[in-house]
C-alpha atoms as a PDB file:
ATOM      1  CA  UNK A   1       5.604  -9.891 -13.579  1.00  0.00           C
ATOM      2  CA  UNK A   2       2.743 -11.609 -15.384  1.00  0.00           C
ATOM      3  CA  UNK A   3      -0.493  -9.871 -16.265  1.00  0.00           C
ATOM      4  CA  UNK A   4      -2.359 -11.957 -13.660  1.00  0.00           C
ATOM      5  CA  UNK A   5       0.149 -11.004 -10.943  1.00  0.00           C
ATOM      6  CA  UNK A   6      -0.283  -7.351 -11.883  1.00  0.00           C
ATOM      7  CA  UNK A   7      -4.081  -7.573 -11.702  1.00  0.00           C
ATOM      8  CA  UNK A   8      -4.058  -9.447  -8.380  1.00  0.00           C
ATOM      9  CA  UNK A   9      -1.555  -6.992  -6.872  1.00  0.00           C
ATOM     10  CA  UNK A  10      -3.667  -4.061  -8.064  1.00  0.00           C
ATOM     11  CA  UNK A  11      -6.835  -5.582  -6.576  1.00  0.00           C
ATOM     12  CA  UNK A  12      -5.093  -6.293  -3.263  1.00  0.00           C
ATOM     13  CA  UNK A  13      -3.740  -2.737  -3.165  1.00  0.00           C
ATOM     14  CA  UNK A  14      -7.183  -1.234  -3.784  1.00  0.00           C
ATOM     15  CA  UNK A  15      -8.921  -3.415  -1.190  1.00  0.00           C
ATOM     16  CA  UNK A  16      -6.215  -2.983   1.454  1.00  0.00           C
ATOM     17  CA  UNK A  17      -6.370   0.792   0.959  1.00  0.00           C
ATOM     18  CA  UNK A  18     -10.170   0.701   1.304  1.00  0.00           C
ATOM     19  CA  UNK A  19      -9.938  -1.258   4.546  1.00  0.00           C
ATOM     20  CA  UNK A  20      -7.294   1.085   5.951  1.00  0.00           C
ATOM     21  CA  UNK A  21      -9.324   4.147   4.965  1.00  0.00           C
ATOM     22  CA  UNK A  22     -12.384   2.769   6.766  1.00  0.00           C
ATOM     23  CA  UNK A  23     -10.696   1.382   9.883  1.00  0.00           C
ATOM     24  CA  UNK A  24      -7.494   3.328  10.576  1.00  0.00           C
ATOM     25  CA  UNK A  25      -7.120   6.488  12.555  1.00  0.00           C
ATOM     26  CA  UNK A  26      -6.204   9.473  10.388  1.00  0.00           C
ATOM     27  CA  UNK A  27      -3.169  10.199  12.559  1.00  0.00           C
ATOM     28  CA  UNK A  28      -0.979   9.096  10.897  1.00  0.00           C
ATOM     29  CA  UNK A  29      -2.530   8.998   7.444  1.00  0.00           C
ATOM     30  CA  UNK A  30      -1.530   5.665   5.865  1.00  0.00           C
ATOM     31  CA  UNK A  31      -1.171   5.390   2.093  1.00  0.00           C
ATOM     32  CA  UNK A  32      -0.770   2.029   0.357  1.00  0.00           C
ATOM     33  CA  UNK A  33       1.780   2.600  -2.405  1.00  0.00           C
ATOM     34  CA  UNK A  34       2.077  -0.886  -3.900  1.00  0.00           C
ATOM     35  CA  UNK A  35       1.634  -4.604  -3.277  1.00  0.00           C
ATOM     36  CA  UNK A  36       3.990  -7.401  -4.288  1.00  0.00           C
ATOM     37  CA  UNK A  37       2.759 -10.990  -4.367  1.00  0.00           C
ATOM     38  CA  UNK A  38       4.733 -14.217  -4.187  1.00  0.00           C
ATOM     39  CA  UNK A  39       4.671 -16.389  -7.319  1.00  0.00           C
ATOM     40  CA  UNK A  40       2.164 -18.783  -5.685  1.00  0.00           C
ATOM     41  CA  UNK A  41      -0.020 -15.909  -4.353  1.00  0.00           C
ATOM     42  CA  UNK A  42       0.218 -17.234  -0.781  1.00  0.00           C
ATOM     43  CA  UNK A  43       2.138 -14.217   0.554  1.00  0.00           C
ATOM     44  CA  UNK A  44       1.898 -10.546  -0.266  1.00  0.00           C
ATOM     45  CA  UNK A  45       3.791  -7.524   0.979  1.00  0.00           C
ATOM     46  CA  UNK A  46       1.848  -4.296   1.348  1.00  0.00           C
ATOM     47  CA  UNK A  47       4.109  -1.253   1.023  1.00  0.00           C
ATOM     48  CA  UNK A  48       2.955   1.982   2.643  1.00  0.00           C
ATOM     49  CA  UNK A  49       3.935   5.521   3.565  1.00  0.00           C
ATOM     50  CA  UNK A  50       2.607   7.818   6.270  1.00  0.00           C
ATOM     51  CA  UNK A  51       1.864  11.478   6.775  1.00  0.00           C
ATOM     52  CA  UNK A  52       3.360  13.016   8.793  1.00  0.00           C
ATOM     53  CA  UNK A  53       6.810  11.503   8.279  1.00  0.00           C
ATOM     54  CA  UNK A  54       8.234   9.578  11.177  1.00  0.00           C
ATOM     55  CA  UNK A  55       4.984   7.833  12.135  1.00  0.00           C
ATOM     56  CA  UNK A  56       5.742   4.628  10.237  1.00  0.00           C
ATOM     57  CA  UNK A  57       6.138   2.586  13.454  1.00  0.00           C
ATOM     58  CA  UNK A  58       2.619   3.528  14.634  1.00  0.00           C
ATOM     59  CA  UNK A  59       1.185   2.598  11.245  1.00  0.00           C
ATOM     60  CA  UNK A  60       3.118  -0.665  11.123  1.00  0.00           C
ATOM     61  CA  UNK A  61       1.809  -1.675  14.564  1.00  0.00           C
ATOM     62  CA  UNK A  62      -1.766  -0.997  13.414  1.00  0.00           C
ATOM     63  CA  UNK A  63      -1.271  -2.879  10.137  1.00  0.00           C
ATOM     64  CA  UNK A  64       0.319  -5.938  11.749  1.00  0.00           C
ATOM     65  CA  UNK A  65      -2.424  -6.043  14.377  1.00  0.00           C
ATOM     66  CA  UNK A  66      -5.054  -5.752  11.605  1.00  0.00           C
ATOM     67  CA  UNK A  67      -3.473  -8.221   9.168  1.00  0.00           C
ATOM     68  CA  UNK A  68      -6.080 -10.931   9.808  1.00  0.00           C
ATOM     69  CA  UNK A  69      -8.922  -8.437   9.519  1.00  0.00           C
ATOM     70  CA  UNK A  70      -7.507  -7.113   6.238  1.00  0.00           C
ATOM     71  CA  UNK A  71      -7.301 -10.693   4.976  1.00  0.00           C
ATOM     72  CA  UNK A  72     -10.942 -11.319   5.991  1.00  0.00           C
ATOM     73  CA  UNK A  73     -12.070  -8.082   4.326  1.00  0.00           C
ATOM     74  CA  UNK A  74     -10.339  -9.060   1.087  1.00  0.00           C
ATOM     75  CA  UNK A  75     -11.788 -12.575   1.293  1.00  0.00           C
ATOM     76  CA  UNK A  76     -15.311 -11.089   1.402  1.00  0.00           C
ATOM     77  CA  UNK A  77     -14.735  -8.520  -1.353  1.00  0.00           C
ATOM     78  CA  UNK A  78     -12.537 -10.372  -3.853  1.00  0.00           C
ATOM     79  CA  UNK A  79     -13.208 -13.471  -5.883  1.00  0.00           C
ATOM     80  CA  UNK A  80      -9.732 -14.951  -5.411  1.00  0.00           C
ATOM     81  CA  UNK A  81      -8.961 -18.628  -5.070  1.00  0.00           C
ATOM     82  CA  UNK A  82      -6.044 -17.954  -2.700  1.00  0.00           C
ATOM     83  CA  UNK A  83      -6.117 -15.115  -0.163  1.00  0.00           C
ATOM     84  CA  UNK A  84      -2.521 -14.293   0.741  1.00  0.00           C
ATOM     85  CA  UNK A  85      -1.058 -13.743   4.177  1.00  0.00           C
ATOM     86  CA  UNK A  86       0.185 -10.184   4.464  1.00  0.00           C
ATOM     87  CA  UNK A  87       3.438  -8.609   5.505  1.00  0.00           C
ATOM     88  CA  UNK A  88       3.833  -4.847   5.786  1.00  0.00           C
ATOM     89  CA  UNK A  89       6.785  -2.682   4.864  1.00  0.00           C
ATOM     90  CA  UNK A  90       7.489   1.033   4.689  1.00  0.00           C
ATOM     91  CA  UNK A  91       8.002   2.084   1.063  1.00  0.00           C
ATOM     92  CA  UNK A  92      11.314   3.895   1.407  1.00  0.00           C
ATOM     93  CA  UNK A  93      11.639   4.137  -2.377  1.00  0.00           C
ATOM     94  CA  UNK A  94       8.484   6.262  -2.512  1.00  0.00           C
ATOM     95  CA  UNK A  95       9.763   8.344   0.423  1.00  0.00           C
ATOM     96  CA  UNK A  96      13.007   9.056  -1.437  1.00  0.00           C
ATOM     97  CA  UNK A  97      11.138   9.904  -4.644  1.00  0.00           C
ATOM     98  CA  UNK A  98       8.981  12.424  -2.756  1.00  0.00           C
ATOM     99  CA  UNK A  99      12.090  13.994  -1.223  1.00  0.00           C
ATOM    100  CA  UNK A 100      13.746  14.286  -4.641  1.00  0.00           C
ATOM    101  CA  UNK A 101      10.595  15.971  -6.011  1.00  0.00           C
ATOM    102  CA  UNK A 102      10.689  18.541  -3.191  1.00  0.00           C
ATOM    103  CA  UNK A 103      14.381  19.283  -3.732  1.00  0.00           C
ATOM    104  CA  UNK A 104      13.856  19.587  -7.496  1.00  0.00           C
ATOM    105  CA  UNK A 105      11.000  22.067  -6.969  1.00  0.00           C
ATOM    106  CA  UNK A 106      13.131  24.130  -4.595  1.00  0.00           C
ATOM    107  CA  UNK A 107      15.963  24.285  -7.129  1.00  0.00           C
ATOM    108  CA  UNK A 108      13.518  25.205  -9.887  1.00  0.00           C
ATOM    109  CA  UNK A 109      12.023  27.990  -7.763  1.00  0.00           C
ATOM    110  CA  UNK A 110      15.501  29.372  -6.960  1.00  0.00           C
ATOM    111  CA  UNK A 111      16.265  29.643 -10.672  1.00  0.00           C
ATOM    112  CA  UNK A 112      12.977  31.415 -11.390  1.00  0.00           C
ATOM    113  CA  UNK A 113      13.483  34.094  -8.730  1.00  0.00           C
ATOM    114  CA  UNK A 114      15.532  36.996 -10.133  1.00  0.00           C
END
């Protein structure tokens, strides 16, 4: 990924997270984990996780319903020539990483207990 793609993705992630923080209900808590942009910047996928687990569908409904508003928010806040259209996807990779961290901590704690 080019440096420009990385900067644009980072900006989109920050602004999308700001919008979600301001507008979304806190049940479930939605966390933007990363953003991937198409090579021409016309499409972007926002990856997210939720707390508690299992509430991804609720979050996805909110995000899809708010996609145009998120786009408008970013258009106002960012100085980008092209504002992408957004898709939303649960970040299962992040979910698995979190689960592995929990299991690793449990194993570590078992070895520490005499």
